[in-house]
Amino acid sequence: KTINKYLGKNFIVKSSVGHVRDLPTKALGKVEPKKPAKELKTLAKKSVKNIFAVTNI
């Protein structure tokens, strides 16, 4: 929400499903890596011109 305030109404800010270090070791096999990709494809179909991936390094 905070980043979206700086970017303005012409941008859509989406978060990831979590940090790798926060994932429980027993559930690593249950991660759905296709979910974020599916959401990006849906956004791309809505006339989104550019999609940027940013890390929080």
N, C-alpha and C. Protein backbone atom coordinates (compact mmCIF):
# COMPACT_ATOMS: atom_id res chain seq x y z
N LYS A 1 0.82 -1.20 0.00
CA LYS A 1 0.00 0.00 0.00
C LYS A 1 0.86 1.26 0.00
N THR A 2 1.93 1.24 0.77
CA THR A 2 2.79 2.41 0.86
C THR A 2 3.47 2.70 -0.47
N ILE A 3 3.99 1.69 -1.12
CA ILE A 3 4.66 1.89 -2.41
C ILE A 3 3.68 2.42 -3.43
N ASN A 4 2.47 1.92 -3.41
CA ASN A 4 1.45 2.38 -4.35
C ASN A 4 1.15 3.87 -4.18
N LYS A 5 1.24 4.39 -2.97
CA LYS A 5 1.02 5.82 -2.73
C LYS A 5 2.07 6.66 -3.46
N TYR A 6 3.30 6.19 -3.49
CA TYR A 6 4.37 6.92 -4.16
C TYR A 6 4.26 6.83 -5.68
N LEU A 7 3.82 5.70 -6.18
CA LEU A 7 3.76 5.49 -7.63
C LEU A 7 2.55 6.14 -8.27
N GLY A 8 1.44 6.19 -7.58
CA GLY A 8 0.25 6.82 -8.13
C GLY A 8 -0.74 5.84 -8.71
N LYS A 9 -1.84 6.39 -9.23
CA LYS A 9 -2.95 5.57 -9.68
C LYS A 9 -2.68 4.83 -11.00
N ASN A 10 -1.63 5.19 -11.71
CA ASN A 10 -1.32 4.52 -12.97
C ASN A 10 -0.55 3.22 -12.78
N PHE A 11 -0.27 2.86 -11.53
CA PHE A 11 0.50 1.66 -11.24
C PHE A 11 -0.30 0.71 -10.36
N ILE A 12 -0.07 -0.58 -10.55
CA ILE A 12 -0.65 -1.62 -9.70
C ILE A 12 0.50 -2.30 -8.99
N VAL A 13 0.46 -2.31 -7.67
CA VAL A 13 1.52 -2.95 -6.88
C VAL A 13 0.98 -4.26 -6.33
N LYS A 14 1.68 -5.36 -6.63
CA LYS A 14 1.29 -6.68 -6.14
C LYS A 14 2.44 -7.25 -5.33
N SER A 15 2.12 -7.89 -4.23
CA SER A 15 3.16 -8.50 -3.41
C SER A 15 3.33 -9.96 -3.79
N SER A 16 4.46 -10.52 -3.39
CA SER A 16 4.71 -11.94 -3.64
C SER A 16 3.96 -12.76 -2.60
N VAL A 17 4.03 -14.07 -2.74
CA VAL A 17 3.33 -14.95 -1.80
C VAL A 17 4.12 -15.17 -0.52
N GLY A 18 5.29 -14.59 -0.40
CA GLY A 18 6.08 -14.71 0.82
C GLY A 18 7.56 -14.79 0.53
N HIS A 19 8.33 -14.70 1.58
CA HIS A 19 9.78 -14.79 1.47
C HIS A 19 10.21 -16.24 1.63
N VAL A 20 11.21 -16.65 0.90
CA VAL A 20 11.68 -18.02 0.97
C VAL A 20 12.11 -18.37 2.39
N ARG A 21 12.74 -17.46 3.07
CA ARG A 21 13.21 -17.77 4.43
C ARG A 21 12.07 -17.94 5.42
N ASP A 22 10.86 -17.47 5.09
CA ASP A 22 9.71 -17.59 5.97
C ASP A 22 8.91 -18.87 5.76
N LEU A 23 9.22 -19.62 4.72
CA LEU A 23 8.46 -20.83 4.42
C LEU A 23 8.83 -21.94 5.39
N PRO A 24 7.85 -22.67 5.90
CA PRO A 24 8.16 -23.79 6.78
C PRO A 24 8.85 -24.90 6.01
N THR A 25 9.81 -25.55 6.61
CA THR A 25 10.59 -26.59 5.92
C THR A 25 9.72 -27.77 5.51
N LYS A 26 8.70 -28.09 6.26
CA LYS A 26 7.84 -29.22 5.93
C LYS A 26 6.89 -28.91 4.77
N ALA A 27 6.67 -27.65 4.47
CA ALA A 27 5.71 -27.28 3.43
C ALA A 27 6.38 -26.79 2.15
N LEU A 28 7.69 -26.94 2.04
CA LEU A 28 8.37 -26.44 0.84
C LEU A 28 7.83 -27.06 -0.43
N GLY A 29 7.42 -28.31 -0.37
CA GLY A 29 6.87 -28.97 -1.55
C GLY A 29 5.48 -28.51 -1.90
N LYS A 30 4.84 -27.74 -1.02
CA LYS A 30 3.46 -27.31 -1.24
C LYS A 30 3.36 -25.88 -1.75
N VAL A 31 4.46 -25.27 -2.08
CA VAL A 31 4.46 -23.90 -2.59
C VAL A 31 3.87 -23.90 -3.99
N GLU A 32 3.06 -22.90 -4.30
CA GLU A 32 2.43 -22.80 -5.61
C GLU A 32 3.12 -21.71 -6.44
N PRO A 33 4.24 -22.03 -7.11
CA PRO A 33 4.94 -21.00 -7.88
C PRO A 33 4.15 -20.51 -9.08
N LYS A 34 3.14 -21.25 -9.50
CA LYS A 34 2.35 -20.84 -10.66
C LYS A 34 1.36 -19.73 -10.31
N LYS A 35 1.02 -19.59 -9.03
CA LYS A 35 0.04 -18.58 -8.63
C LYS A 35 0.48 -17.16 -8.98
N PRO A 36 1.69 -16.72 -8.60
CA PRO A 36 2.11 -15.36 -8.99
C PRO A 36 2.18 -15.18 -10.51
N ALA A 37 2.64 -16.19 -11.23
CA ALA A 37 2.72 -16.09 -12.69
C ALA A 37 1.33 -15.97 -13.30
N LYS A 38 0.38 -16.71 -12.76
CA LYS A 38 -1.00 -16.64 -13.26
C LYS A 38 -1.58 -15.25 -13.02
N GLU A 39 -1.30 -14.67 -11.85
CA GLU A 39 -1.79 -13.33 -11.56
C GLU A 39 -1.18 -12.29 -12.50
N LEU A 40 0.11 -12.45 -12.82
CA LEU A 40 0.75 -11.52 -13.76
C LEU A 40 0.16 -11.63 -15.15
N LYS A 41 -0.15 -12.85 -15.58
CA LYS A 41 -0.77 -13.03 -16.90
C LYS A 41 -2.15 -12.38 -16.93
N THR A 42 -2.89 -12.50 -15.84
CA THR A 42 -4.21 -11.86 -15.77
C THR A 42 -4.07 -10.35 -15.86
N LEU A 43 -3.10 -9.78 -15.16
CA LEU A 43 -2.87 -8.34 -15.23
C LEU A 43 -2.46 -7.92 -16.64
N ALA A 44 -1.63 -8.72 -17.28
CA ALA A 44 -1.16 -8.39 -18.63
C ALA A 44 -2.32 -8.34 -19.62
N LYS A 45 -3.32 -9.17 -19.40
CA LYS A 45 -4.50 -9.17 -20.28
C LYS A 45 -5.37 -7.94 -20.08
N LYS A 46 -5.19 -7.25 -18.96
CA LYS A 46 -5.99 -6.06 -18.66
C LYS A 46 -5.30 -4.79 -19.17
N SER A 47 -4.63 -4.88 -20.28
CA SER A 47 -3.98 -3.73 -20.92
C SER A 47 -2.86 -3.13 -20.09
N VAL A 48 -2.21 -3.94 -19.28
CA VAL A 48 -1.05 -3.46 -18.55
C VAL A 48 0.10 -3.37 -19.54
N LYS A 49 0.73 -2.21 -19.63
CA LYS A 49 1.78 -2.01 -20.62
C LYS A 49 3.10 -2.65 -20.21
N ASN A 50 3.50 -2.49 -18.96
CA ASN A 50 4.78 -3.03 -18.47
C ASN A 50 4.57 -3.72 -17.13
N ILE A 51 5.34 -4.78 -16.91
CA ILE A 51 5.37 -5.46 -15.62
C ILE A 51 6.80 -5.47 -15.12
N PHE A 52 7.02 -4.96 -13.91
CA PHE A 52 8.35 -4.90 -13.32
C PHE A 52 8.39 -5.80 -12.09
N ALA A 53 9.45 -6.57 -11.97
CA ALA A 53 9.67 -7.39 -10.78
C ALA A 53 10.77 -6.73 -9.97
N VAL A 54 10.51 -6.52 -8.69
CA VAL A 54 11.45 -5.81 -7.83
C VAL A 54 11.70 -6.62 -6.57
N THR A 55 12.95 -6.67 -6.15
CA THR A 55 13.29 -7.35 -4.90
C THR A 55 13.45 -6.32 -3.79
N ASN A 56 13.49 -6.78 -2.58
CA ASN A 56 13.66 -5.87 -1.45
C ASN A 56 15.05 -6.03 -0.83
N ILE A 57 16.05 -5.98 -1.66
CA ILE A 57 17.43 -6.16 -1.20
C ILE A 57 17.84 -5.00 -0.33
